[in-house]
């Protein structure tokens, strides 16, 4: 390896490390119905992006959503919690990473429904969708990220 390779190697390692401390994968507690395959695909997406996902299977997802303040307008198939934030549905790992870095004053992020093309919903079709930030006391979500496909 030449001395010119070191800056390239250092830059590559820095890019791969993201802003998370070495060896500390953010832990995601995901609640899902035992029969839902897209939820498992979403968990695999997060794991591939450096998150640790603990899966809790339940047939009473309604109770989980009520416990975490997820309204029907925000609902999707699975509900997760990471570092105190509620993550509802097929939220991309990059948005969760941004949430953890910026720490905005929100209860969590949601991708309502199950849009095609979102992580875990790779069907070959692509729907436009938004990742919404929301508060427990204010039922008007705001757009955190927008995914438009042409």
Protein backbone atom coordinates (compact mmCIF):
# COMPACT_ATOMS: atom_id res chain seq x y z
CA UNK A 1 0.00 0.00 0.00
CA UNK A 2 1.44 3.37 -0.96
CA UNK A 3 1.28 6.50 1.18
CA UNK A 4 -1.23 7.88 -1.35
CA UNK A 5 -3.62 5.06 -0.43
CA UNK A 6 -3.95 6.14 3.20
CA UNK A 7 -6.19 9.19 2.62
CA UNK A 8 -8.47 7.10 0.40
CA UNK A 9 -8.60 4.31 2.99
CA UNK A 10 -9.26 6.77 5.81
CA UNK A 11 -12.06 8.43 3.84
CA UNK A 12 -13.62 5.08 3.05
CA UNK A 13 -13.52 3.99 6.69
CA UNK A 14 -15.00 7.30 7.82
CA UNK A 15 -17.85 6.98 5.32
CA UNK A 16 -18.58 3.42 6.43
CA UNK A 17 -18.59 4.28 10.11
CA UNK A 18 -21.41 6.90 9.82
CA UNK A 19 -21.77 8.97 12.95
CA UNK A 20 -22.42 6.02 15.27
CA UNK A 21 -19.69 5.06 17.68
CA UNK A 22 -17.65 2.03 16.72
CA UNK A 23 -19.31 -1.18 17.87
CA UNK A 24 -22.54 0.51 18.97
CA UNK A 25 -25.36 -0.51 16.68
CA UNK A 26 -28.60 1.34 17.41
CA UNK A 27 -31.09 -1.13 18.86
CA UNK A 28 -34.54 -1.29 17.30
CA UNK A 29 -37.37 -3.05 19.12
CA UNK A 30 -39.81 -4.07 16.37
CA UNK A 31 -43.34 -5.37 16.94
CA UNK A 32 -44.93 -7.30 14.08
CA UNK A 33 -47.57 -9.88 13.27
CA UNK A 34 -45.98 -13.35 12.99
CA UNK A 35 -47.36 -13.77 9.46
CA UNK A 36 -46.03 -10.52 7.97
CA UNK A 37 -43.17 -11.04 5.53
CA UNK A 38 -42.63 -7.40 4.57
CA UNK A 39 -41.93 -6.58 8.23
CA UNK A 40 -39.13 -9.14 8.24
CA UNK A 41 -37.77 -7.64 5.00
CA UNK A 42 -37.77 -4.18 6.65
CA UNK A 43 -35.83 -5.60 9.61
CA UNK A 44 -33.28 -7.09 7.19
CA UNK A 45 -32.95 -3.65 5.54
CA UNK A 46 -32.15 -2.08 8.92
CA UNK A 47 -29.67 -4.81 9.83
CA UNK A 48 -27.89 -4.35 6.50
CA UNK A 49 -27.57 -0.66 7.42
CA UNK A 50 -25.95 -1.37 10.80
CA UNK A 51 -28.94 -1.49 13.15
CA UNK A 52 -29.58 -4.28 15.63
CA UNK A 53 -33.22 -5.39 15.37
CA UNK A 54 -35.04 -7.32 18.06
CA UNK A 55 -38.31 -8.73 16.77
CA UNK A 56 -41.35 -9.16 19.01
CA UNK A 57 -44.20 -11.06 17.39
CA UNK A 58 -47.78 -10.40 18.43
CA UNK A 59 -51.21 -10.91 16.95
CA UNK A 60 -52.48 -7.75 18.68
CA UNK A 61 -50.77 -4.98 16.74
CA UNK A 62 -53.68 -2.64 17.54
CA UNK A 63 -52.68 -2.72 21.22
CA UNK A 64 -49.03 -2.02 20.33
CA UNK A 65 -50.04 0.98 18.20
CA UNK A 66 -52.31 2.35 20.93
CA UNK A 67 -49.53 1.95 23.51
CA UNK A 68 -47.15 3.98 21.33
CA UNK A 69 -49.63 6.68 20.27
CA UNK A 70 -49.84 5.65 16.63
CA UNK A 71 -53.08 6.95 15.13
CA UNK A 72 -54.93 5.17 12.30
CA UNK A 73 -53.78 7.92 9.88
CA UNK A 74 -50.14 7.04 10.60
CA UNK A 75 -50.55 3.27 10.82
CA UNK A 76 -48.70 0.65 8.83
CA UNK A 77 -48.01 -3.03 9.47
CA UNK A 78 -45.25 -2.85 12.10
CA UNK A 79 -44.30 -0.56 14.97
CA UNK A 80 -40.78 -0.13 16.32
CA UNK A 81 -38.98 1.88 18.96
CA UNK A 82 -35.39 3.12 18.74
CA UNK A 83 -33.79 5.30 21.40
CA UNK A 84 -37.21 6.51 22.61
CA UNK A 85 -38.58 7.33 19.15
CA UNK A 86 -41.51 5.43 17.64
CA UNK A 87 -40.95 4.21 14.08
CA UNK A 88 -44.14 3.23 12.25
CA UNK A 89 -43.98 1.31 9.02
CA UNK A 90 -41.44 1.15 6.23
CA UNK A 91 -39.21 4.08 7.25
CA UNK A 92 -35.84 3.97 5.44
CA UNK A 93 -32.76 3.39 7.60
CA UNK A 94 -31.25 6.69 6.38
CA UNK A 95 -34.19 8.59 7.89
CA UNK A 96 -33.86 6.76 11.21
CA UNK A 97 -30.14 7.53 11.22
CA UNK A 98 -30.91 11.21 10.54
CA UNK A 99 -33.52 11.20 13.32
CA UNK A 100 -30.97 9.84 15.79
CA UNK A 101 -28.33 12.35 14.70
CA UNK A 102 -30.54 15.46 14.64
CA UNK A 103 -32.80 14.47 17.58
CA UNK A 104 -35.78 16.66 16.56
CA UNK A 105 -38.67 17.22 18.94
CA UNK A 106 -40.98 14.52 17.54
CA UNK A 107 -42.55 11.38 18.96
CA UNK A 108 -41.38 9.47 15.94
CA UNK A 109 -41.46 8.85 12.21
CA UNK A 110 -44.11 7.10 10.15
CA UNK A 111 -44.67 5.86 6.62
CA UNK A 112 -48.44 5.29 6.58
CA UNK A 113 -49.71 2.32 4.64
CA UNK A 114 -47.35 0.08 2.76
CA UNK A 115 -46.01 2.00 -0.27
CA UNK A 116 -44.35 -0.04 -3.00
CA UNK A 117 -40.64 0.68 -3.29
CA UNK A 118 -40.17 1.53 0.39
CA UNK A 119 -37.72 -0.67 2.35
CA UNK A 120 -39.27 -4.09 2.77
CA UNK A 121 -41.81 -3.42 0.02
CA UNK A 122 -39.54 -3.94 -2.99
CA UNK A 123 -42.09 -5.24 -5.48
CA UNK A 124 -40.75 -3.74 -8.69
CA UNK A 125 -43.32 -0.96 -8.50
CA UNK A 126 -42.55 2.44 -6.95
CA UNK A 127 -45.10 4.65 -5.19
CA UNK A 128 -44.45 8.22 -4.10
CA UNK A 129 -44.44 8.43 -0.31
CA UNK A 130 -43.39 10.67 2.55
CA UNK A 131 -41.80 9.93 5.89
CA UNK A 132 -43.79 11.90 8.44
CA UNK A 133 -42.65 13.29 11.78
CA UNK A 134 -45.38 13.45 14.42
CA UNK A 135 -46.06 14.45 18.03
CA UNK A 136 -48.25 12.74 20.61
CA UNK A 137 -50.10 15.98 21.43
CA UNK A 138 -50.41 17.35 17.89
CA UNK A 139 -52.10 15.16 15.32
CA UNK A 140 -50.79 17.17 12.36
CA UNK A 141 -47.69 15.40 11.03
CA UNK A 142 -44.93 17.17 9.13
CA UNK A 143 -42.89 15.84 6.21
CA UNK A 144 -39.49 14.62 7.38
CA UNK A 145 -38.44 13.19 3.99
CA UNK A 146 -40.13 12.89 0.63
CA UNK A 147 -39.64 10.04 -1.84
CA UNK A 148 -40.97 10.78 -5.30
CA UNK A 149 -40.39 8.29 -8.11
CA UNK A 150 -40.78 9.24 -11.73
